[in-house]
């Protein structure tokens, strides 16, 4: 599953790493920045972060709460 942020300058690919199924942190967040070096958030053009299923659920819950709060307070929501 992929999402493009910052006008496509940050691509986040999120997947279950079947090859790492024996590890607790087998959900991969792959950050890819197809932009010039000066515009990068990370040092490398690609950075992987592995998290546990519970951390993924917690992250999803926090993002949903932030989105809901934004929707409730934004003038242009809808």
PDB file of N, CA and C in Angstrom:
ATOM      1  N   UNK A   1       0.844  -1.165   0.000  1.00  0.00           N
ATOM      2  CA  UNK A   1       0.000   0.000   0.000  1.00  0.00           C
ATOM      3  C   UNK A   1       0.893   1.233   0.000  1.00  0.00           C
ATOM      4  N   UNK A   2       0.562   2.167  -0.840  1.00  0.00           N
ATOM      5  CA  UNK A   2       1.433   3.323  -1.034  1.00  0.00           C
ATOM      6  C   UNK A   2       0.632   4.613  -0.923  1.00  0.00           C
ATOM      7  N   UNK A   3       1.275   5.609  -0.341  1.00  0.00           N
ATOM      8  CA  UNK A   3       0.698   6.950  -0.277  1.00  0.00           C
ATOM      9  C   UNK A   3       1.787   7.946  -0.646  1.00  0.00           C
ATOM     10  N   UNK A   4       1.405   8.944  -1.435  1.00  0.00           N
ATOM     11  CA  UNK A   4       2.341  10.008  -1.817  1.00  0.00           C
ATOM     12  C   UNK A   4       1.982  11.258  -1.035  1.00  0.00           C
ATOM     13  N   UNK A   5       2.985  11.841  -0.404  1.00  0.00           N
ATOM     14  CA  UNK A   5       2.814  13.065   0.382  1.00  0.00           C
ATOM     15  C   UNK A   5       3.722  14.153  -0.164  1.00  0.00           C
ATOM     16  N   UNK A   6       3.496  15.379   0.279  1.00  0.00           N
ATOM     17  CA  UNK A   6       4.335  16.525  -0.078  1.00  0.00           C
ATOM     18  C   UNK A   6       4.490  16.667  -1.589  1.00  0.00           C
ATOM     19  N   UNK A   7       3.371  16.565  -2.281  1.00  0.00           N
ATOM     20  CA  UNK A   7       3.406  16.732  -3.731  1.00  0.00           C
ATOM     21  C   UNK A   7       4.173  15.639  -4.451  1.00  0.00           C
ATOM     22  N   UNK A   8       4.237  14.451  -3.848  1.00  0.00           N
ATOM     23  CA  UNK A   8       4.946  13.327  -4.463  1.00  0.00           C
ATOM     24  C   UNK A   8       6.413  13.255  -4.112  1.00  0.00           C
ATOM     25  N   UNK A   9       6.888  14.203  -3.289  1.00  0.00           N
ATOM     26  CA  UNK A   9       8.304  14.184  -2.912  1.00  0.00           C
ATOM     27  C   UNK A   9       8.610  13.197  -1.797  1.00  0.00           C
ATOM     28  N   UNK A  10       7.572  12.666  -1.154  1.00  0.00           N
ATOM     29  CA  UNK A  10       7.728  11.619  -0.142  1.00  0.00           C
ATOM     30  C   UNK A  10       6.706  10.532  -0.434  1.00  0.00           C
ATOM     31  N   UNK A  11       7.197   9.338  -0.686  1.00  0.00           N
ATOM     32  CA  UNK A  11       6.341   8.187  -0.957  1.00  0.00           C
ATOM     33  C   UNK A  11       6.523   7.211   0.193  1.00  0.00           C
ATOM     34  N   UNK A  12       5.411   6.814   0.800  1.00  0.00           N
ATOM     35  CA  UNK A  12       5.464   5.857   1.895  1.00  0.00           C
ATOM     36  C   UNK A  12       4.758   4.586   1.438  1.00  0.00           C
ATOM     37  N   UNK A  13       5.496   3.484   1.462  1.00  0.00           N
ATOM     38  CA  UNK A  13       4.957   2.184   1.127  1.00  0.00           C
ATOM     39  C   UNK A  13       4.893   1.386   2.422  1.00  0.00           C
ATOM     40  N   UNK A  14       3.723   0.852   2.734  1.00  0.00           N
ATOM     41  CA  UNK A  14       3.524   0.122   3.980  1.00  0.00           C
ATOM     42  C   UNK A  14       3.109  -1.303   3.652  1.00  0.00           C
ATOM     43  N   UNK A  15       3.832  -2.279   4.237  1.00  0.00           N
ATOM     44  CA  UNK A  15       3.502  -3.668   3.946  1.00  0.00           C
ATOM     45  C   UNK A  15       3.938  -4.593   5.075  1.00  0.00           C
ATOM     46  N   UNK A  16       3.320  -5.748   5.116  1.00  0.00           N
ATOM     47  CA  UNK A  16       3.739  -6.830   5.991  1.00  0.00           C
ATOM     48  C   UNK A  16       4.882  -7.552   5.295  1.00  0.00           C
ATOM     49  N   UNK A  17       6.003  -7.686   5.976  1.00  0.00           N
ATOM     50  CA  UNK A  17       7.166  -8.369   5.415  1.00  0.00           C
ATOM     51  C   UNK A  17       7.083  -9.850   5.762  1.00  0.00           C
ATOM     52  N   UNK A  18       6.575 -10.649   4.853  1.00  0.00           N
ATOM     53  CA  UNK A  18       6.428 -12.078   5.095  1.00  0.00           C
ATOM     54  C   UNK A  18       7.764 -12.744   5.386  1.00  0.00           C
ATOM     55  N   UNK A  19       8.824 -12.251   4.770  1.00  0.00           N
ATOM     56  CA  UNK A  19      10.149 -12.833   5.001  1.00  0.00           C
ATOM     57  C   UNK A  19      10.650 -12.572   6.420  1.00  0.00           C
ATOM     58  N   UNK A  20      10.046 -11.631   7.126  1.00  0.00           N
ATOM     59  CA  UNK A  20      10.421 -11.317   8.514  1.00  0.00           C
ATOM     60  C   UNK A  20       9.344 -11.755   9.500  1.00  0.00           C
ATOM     61  N   UNK A  21       8.501 -12.712   9.111  1.00  0.00           N
ATOM     62  CA  UNK A  21       7.364 -13.083   9.947  1.00  0.00           C
ATOM     63  C   UNK A  21       7.758 -13.635  11.314  1.00  0.00           C
ATOM     64  N   UNK A  22       9.004 -14.088  11.455  1.00  0.00           N
ATOM     65  CA  UNK A  22       9.438 -14.597  12.760  1.00  0.00           C
ATOM     66  C   UNK A  22       9.777 -13.477  13.744  1.00  0.00           C
ATOM     67  N   UNK A  23       9.847 -12.259  13.264  1.00  0.00           N
ATOM     68  CA  UNK A  23      10.134 -11.108  14.108  1.00  0.00           C
ATOM     69  C   UNK A  23       8.844 -10.389  14.492  1.00  0.00           C
ATOM     70  N   UNK A  24       8.837  -9.777  15.657  1.00  0.00           N
ATOM     71  CA  UNK A  24       7.661  -9.013  16.091  1.00  0.00           C
ATOM     72  C   UNK A  24       7.442  -7.778  15.228  1.00  0.00           C
ATOM     73  N   UNK A  25       8.532  -7.118  14.849  1.00  0.00           N
ATOM     74  CA  UNK A  25       8.435  -5.883  14.058  1.00  0.00           C
ATOM     75  C   UNK A  25       8.555  -6.218  12.568  1.00  0.00           C
ATOM     76  N   UNK A  26       7.480  -6.760  12.011  1.00  0.00           N
ATOM     77  CA  UNK A  26       7.512  -7.225  10.623  1.00  0.00           C
ATOM     78  C   UNK A  26       6.620  -6.410   9.693  1.00  0.00           C
ATOM     79  N   UNK A  27       6.220  -5.235  10.148  1.00  0.00           N
ATOM     80  CA  UNK A  27       5.494  -4.308   9.284  1.00  0.00           C
ATOM     81  C   UNK A  27       6.474  -3.223   8.868  1.00  0.00           C
ATOM     82  N   UNK A  28       6.649  -3.097   7.570  1.00  0.00           N
ATOM     83  CA  UNK A  28       7.668  -2.182   7.040  1.00  0.00           C
ATOM     84  C   UNK A  28       7.027  -0.895   6.537  1.00  0.00           C
ATOM     85  N   UNK A  29       7.563   0.214   7.006  1.00  0.00           N
ATOM     86  CA  UNK A  29       7.233   1.528   6.472  1.00  0.00           C
ATOM     87  C   UNK A  29       8.448   1.962   5.668  1.00  0.00           C
ATOM     88  N   UNK A  30       8.305   1.970   4.365  1.00  0.00           N
ATOM     89  CA  UNK A  30       9.407   2.324   3.477  1.00  0.00           C
ATOM     90  C   UNK A  30       9.196   3.746   2.990  1.00  0.00           C
ATOM     91  N   UNK A  31      10.104   4.629   3.351  1.00  0.00           N
ATOM     92  CA  UNK A  31      10.038   6.031   2.966  1.00  0.00           C
ATOM     93  C   UNK A  31      10.976   6.239   1.781  1.00  0.00           C
ATOM     94  N   UNK A  32      10.425   6.699   0.671  1.00  0.00           N
ATOM     95  CA  UNK A  32      11.218   6.947  -0.532  1.00  0.00           C
ATOM     96  C   UNK A  32      11.043   8.406  -0.923  1.00  0.00           C
ATOM     97  N   UNK A  33      12.164   9.078  -1.147  1.00  0.00           N
ATOM     98  CA  UNK A  33      12.123  10.498  -1.512  1.00  0.00           C
ATOM     99  C   UNK A  33      12.763  10.713  -2.883  1.00  0.00           C
ATOM    100  N   UNK A  34      11.957  10.718  -3.934  1.00  0.00           N
ATOM    101  CA  UNK A  34      12.485  10.934  -5.277  1.00  0.00           C
ATOM    102  C   UNK A  34      12.650  12.426  -5.582  1.00  0.00           C
ATOM    103  N   UNK A  35      13.441  13.087  -4.757  1.00  0.00           N
ATOM    104  CA  UNK A  35      13.626  14.532  -4.919  1.00  0.00           C
ATOM    105  C   UNK A  35      15.109  14.866  -4.754  1.00  0.00           C
ATOM    106  N   UNK A  36      15.444  16.118  -4.941  1.00  0.00           N
ATOM    107  CA  UNK A  36      16.838  16.534  -4.805  1.00  0.00           C
ATOM    108  C   UNK A  36      17.275  16.430  -3.347  1.00  0.00           C
ATOM    109  N   UNK A  37      18.564  16.236  -3.142  1.00  0.00           N
ATOM    110  CA  UNK A  37      19.103  16.029  -1.788  1.00  0.00           C
ATOM    111  C   UNK A  37      18.706  17.131  -0.811  1.00  0.00           C
ATOM    112  N   UNK A  38      18.713  18.375  -1.247  1.00  0.00           N
ATOM    113  CA  UNK A  38      18.408  19.498  -0.349  1.00  0.00           C
ATOM    114  C   UNK A  38      16.961  19.495   0.142  1.00  0.00           C
ATOM    115  N   UNK A  39      16.084  18.806  -0.568  1.00  0.00           N
ATOM    116  CA  UNK A  39      14.670  18.778  -0.195  1.00  0.00           C
ATOM    117  C   UNK A  39      14.304  17.566   0.657  1.00  0.00           C
ATOM    118  N   UNK A  40      15.257  16.682   0.883  1.00  0.00           N
ATOM    119  CA  UNK A  40      14.962  15.445   1.614  1.00  0.00           C
ATOM    120  C   UNK A  40      14.801  15.658   3.112  1.00  0.00           C
ATOM    121  N   UNK A  41      13.897  14.881   3.688  1.00  0.00           N
ATOM    122  CA  UNK A  41      13.719  14.838   5.134  1.00  0.00           C
ATOM    123  C   UNK A  41      14.741  13.879   5.732  1.00  0.00           C
ATOM    124  N   UNK A  42      14.945  12.730   5.078  1.00  0.00           N
ATOM    125  CA  UNK A  42      15.908  11.725   5.514  1.00  0.00           C
ATOM    126  C   UNK A  42      17.204  11.904   4.740  1.00  0.00           C
ATOM    127  N   UNK A  43      18.286  11.357   5.256  1.00  0.00           N
ATOM    128  CA  UNK A  43      19.582  11.475   4.571  1.00  0.00           C
ATOM    129  C   UNK A  43      19.635  10.647   3.301  1.00  0.00           C
ATOM    130  N   UNK A  44      19.106   9.438   3.372  1.00  0.00           N
ATOM    131  CA  UNK A  44      19.115   8.546   2.206  1.00  0.00           C
ATOM    132  C   UNK A  44      17.845   8.754   1.385  1.00  0.00           C
ATOM    133  N   UNK A  45      17.892   8.348   0.131  1.00  0.00           N
ATOM    134  CA  UNK A  45      16.695   8.477  -0.703  1.00  0.00           C
ATOM    135  C   UNK A  45      15.630   7.465  -0.307  1.00  0.00           C
ATOM    136  N   UNK A  46      16.047   6.400   0.402  1.00  0.00           N
ATOM    137  CA  UNK A  46      15.097   5.392   0.872  1.00  0.00           C
ATOM    138  C   UNK A  46      15.461   4.973   2.288  1.00  0.00           C
ATOM    139  N   UNK A  47      14.474   4.962   3.170  1.00  0.00           N
ATOM    140  CA  UNK A  47      14.661   4.598   4.573  1.00  0.00           C
ATOM    141  C   UNK A  47      13.546   3.647   4.978  1.00  0.00           C
ATOM    142  N   UNK A  48      13.900   2.551   5.643  1.00  0.00           N
ATOM    143  CA  UNK A  48      12.919   1.578   6.115  1.00  0.00           C
ATOM    144  C   UNK A  48      12.806   1.644   7.630  1.00  0.00           C
ATOM    145  N   UNK A  49      11.583   1.562   8.100  1.00  0.00           N
ATOM    146  CA  UNK A  49      11.289   1.534   9.528  1.00  0.00           C
ATOM    147  C   UNK A  49      10.364   0.348   9.771  1.00  0.00           C
ATOM    148  N   UNK A  50      10.762  -0.532  10.683  1.00  0.00           N
ATOM    149  CA  UNK A  50       9.962  -1.727  10.978  1.00  0.00           C
ATOM    150  C   UNK A  50       9.263  -1.544  12.320  1.00  0.00           C
ATOM    151  N   UNK A  51       7.961  -1.829  12.336  1.00  0.00           N
ATOM    152  CA  UNK A  51       7.171  -1.673  13.551  1.00  0.00           C
ATOM    153  C   UNK A  51       6.352  -2.941  13.799  1.00  0.00           C
ATOM    154  N   UNK A  52       5.870  -3.064  15.027  1.00  0.00           N
ATOM    155  CA  UNK A  52       5.049  -4.219  15.403  1.00  0.00           C
ATOM    156  C   UNK A  52       3.596  -3.979  14.988  1.00  0.00           C
ATOM    157  N   UNK A  53       2.787  -5.035  14.955  1.00  0.00           N
ATOM    158  CA  UNK A  53       1.372  -4.847  14.647  1.00  0.00           C
ATOM    159  C   UNK A  53       0.682  -3.887  15.620  1.00  0.00           C
ATOM    160  N   UNK A  54       1.024  -3.948  16.896  1.00  0.00           N
ATOM    161  CA  UNK A  54       0.396  -3.041  17.860  1.00  0.00           C
ATOM    162  C   UNK A  54       0.806  -1.593  17.605  1.00  0.00           C
ATOM    163  N   UNK A  55       2.079  -1.387  17.271  1.00  0.00           N
ATOM    164  CA  UNK A  55       2.525  -0.029  16.941  1.00  0.00           C
ATOM    165  C   UNK A  55       1.803   0.484  15.695  1.00  0.00           C
ATOM    166  N   UNK A  56       1.558  -0.397  14.733  1.00  0.00           N
ATOM    167  CA  UNK A  56       0.822  -0.013  13.522  1.00  0.00           C
ATOM    168  C   UNK A  56      -0.610   0.379  13.877  1.00  0.00           C
ATOM    169  N   UNK A  57      -1.242  -0.398  14.753  1.00  0.00           N
ATOM    170  CA  UNK A  57      -2.602  -0.066  15.179  1.00  0.00           C
ATOM    171  C   UNK A  57      -2.637   1.261  15.931  1.00  0.00           C
ATOM    172  N   UNK A  58      -1.658   1.466  16.814  1.00  0.00           N
ATOM    173  CA  UNK A  58      -1.591   2.716  17.573  1.00  0.00           C
ATOM    174  C   UNK A  58      -1.392   3.909  16.641  1.00  0.00           C
ATOM    175  N   UNK A  59      -0.503   3.761  15.667  1.00  0.00           N
ATOM    176  CA  UNK A  59      -0.258   4.824  14.699  1.00  0.00           C
ATOM    177  C   UNK A  59      -1.518   5.132  13.895  1.00  0.00           C
ATOM    178  N   UNK A  60      -2.209   4.087  13.443  1.00  0.00           N
ATOM    179  CA  UNK A  60      -3.443   4.274  12.683  1.00  0.00           C
ATOM    180  C   UNK A  60      -4.493   4.995  13.519  1.00  0.00           C
ATOM    181  N   UNK A  61      -4.622   4.612  14.776  1.00  0.00           N
ATOM    182  CA  UNK A  61      -5.598   5.242  15.660  1.00  0.00           C
ATOM    183  C   UNK A  61      -5.281   6.718  15.886  1.00  0.00           C
ATOM    184  N   UNK A  62      -4.022   7.023  16.103  1.00  0.00           N
ATOM    185  CA  UNK A  62      -3.615   8.418  16.325  1.00  0.00           C
ATOM    186  C   UNK A  62      -3.852   9.253  15.066  1.00  0.00           C
ATOM    187  N   UNK A  63      -3.534   8.704  13.899  1.00  0.00           N
ATOM    188  CA  UNK A  63      -3.767   9.425  12.648  1.00  0.00           C
ATOM    189  C   UNK A  63      -5.253   9.686  12.430  1.00  0.00           C
ATOM    190  N   UNK A  64      -6.086   8.691  12.715  1.00  0.00           N
ATOM    191  CA  UNK A  64      -7.533   8.874  12.561  1.00  0.00           C
ATOM    192  C   UNK A  64      -8.069   9.935  13.515  1.00  0.00           C
ATOM    193  N   UNK A  65      -7.580   9.950  14.741  1.00  0.00           N
ATOM    194  CA  UNK A  65      -8.019  10.967  15.706  1.00  0.00           C
ATOM    195  C   UNK A  65      -7.591  12.359  15.254  1.00  0.00           C
ATOM    196  N   UNK A  66      -6.371  12.480  14.755  1.00  0.00           N
ATOM    197  CA  UNK A  66      -5.899  13.778  14.274  1.00  0.00           C
ATOM    198  C   UNK A  66      -6.714  14.233  13.062  1.00  0.00           C
ATOM    199  N   UNK A  67      -7.030  13.313  12.164  1.00  0.00           N
ATOM    200  CA  UNK A  67      -7.832  13.655  10.990  1.00  0.00           C
ATOM    201  C   UNK A  67      -9.230  14.093  11.403  1.00  0.00           C
ATOM    202  N   UNK A  68      -9.805  13.391  12.370  1.00  0.00           N
ATOM    203  CA  UNK A  68     -11.138  13.760  12.849  1.00  0.00           C
ATOM    204  C   UNK A  68     -11.129  15.141  13.498  1.00  0.00           C
ATOM    205  N   UNK A  69     -10.112  15.409  14.306  1.00  0.00           N
ATOM    206  CA  UNK A  69     -10.008  16.729  14.944  1.00  0.00           C
ATOM    207  C   UNK A  69      -9.844  17.824  13.887  1.00  0.00           C
ATOM    208  N   UNK A  70      -9.071  17.532  12.863  1.00  0.00           N
ATOM    209  CA  UNK A  70      -8.883  18.487  11.774  1.00  0.00           C
ATOM    210  C   UNK A  70     -10.194  18.742  11.041  1.00  0.00           C
ATOM    211  N   UNK A  71     -10.919  17.658  10.752  1.00  0.00           N
ATOM    212  CA  UNK A  71     -12.213  17.798  10.058  1.00  0.00           C
ATOM    213  C   UNK A  71     -13.187  18.650  10.863  1.00  0.00           C
ATOM    214  N   UNK A  72     -13.206  18.454  12.164  1.00  0.00           N
ATOM    215  CA  UNK A  72     -14.131  19.186  13.006  1.00  0.00           C
ATOM    216  C   UNK A  72     -13.806  20.667  13.118  1.00  0.00           C
ATOM    217  N   UNK A  73     -12.531  21.007  13.005  1.00  0.00           N
ATOM    218  CA  UNK A  73     -12.147  22.404  13.195  1.00  0.00           C
ATOM    219  C   UNK A  73     -11.821  23.147  11.909  1.00  0.00           C
ATOM    220  N   UNK A  74     -11.697  22.438  10.798  1.00  0.00           N
ATOM    221  CA  UNK A  74     -11.339  23.075   9.524  1.00  0.00           C
ATOM    222  C   UNK A  74     -12.556  23.730   8.882  1.00  0.00           C
ATOM    223  N   UNK A  75     -12.332  24.869   8.311  1.00  0.00           N
ATOM    224  CA  UNK A  75     -13.396  25.585   7.618  1.00  0.00           C
ATOM    225  C   UNK A  75     -13.706  24.976   6.256  1.00  0.00           C
ATOM    226  N   UNK A  76     -12.699  24.318   5.663  1.00  0.00           N
ATOM    227  CA  UNK A  76     -12.896  23.777   4.324  1.00  0.00           C
ATOM    228  C   UNK A  76     -13.127  22.279   4.333  1.00  0.00           C
ATOM    229  N   UNK A  77     -13.455  21.682   5.476  1.00  0.00           N
ATOM    230  CA  UNK A  77     -13.708  20.245   5.505  1.00  0.00           C
ATOM    231  C   UNK A  77     -15.064  19.934   4.887  1.00  0.00           C
ATOM    232  N   UNK A  78     -15.165  18.714   4.436  1.00  0.00           N
ATOM    233  CA  UNK A  78     -16.453  18.318   3.902  1.00  0.00           C
ATOM    234  C   UNK A  78     -16.318  17.504   2.754  1.00  0.00           C
TER     235      UNK A  78
END
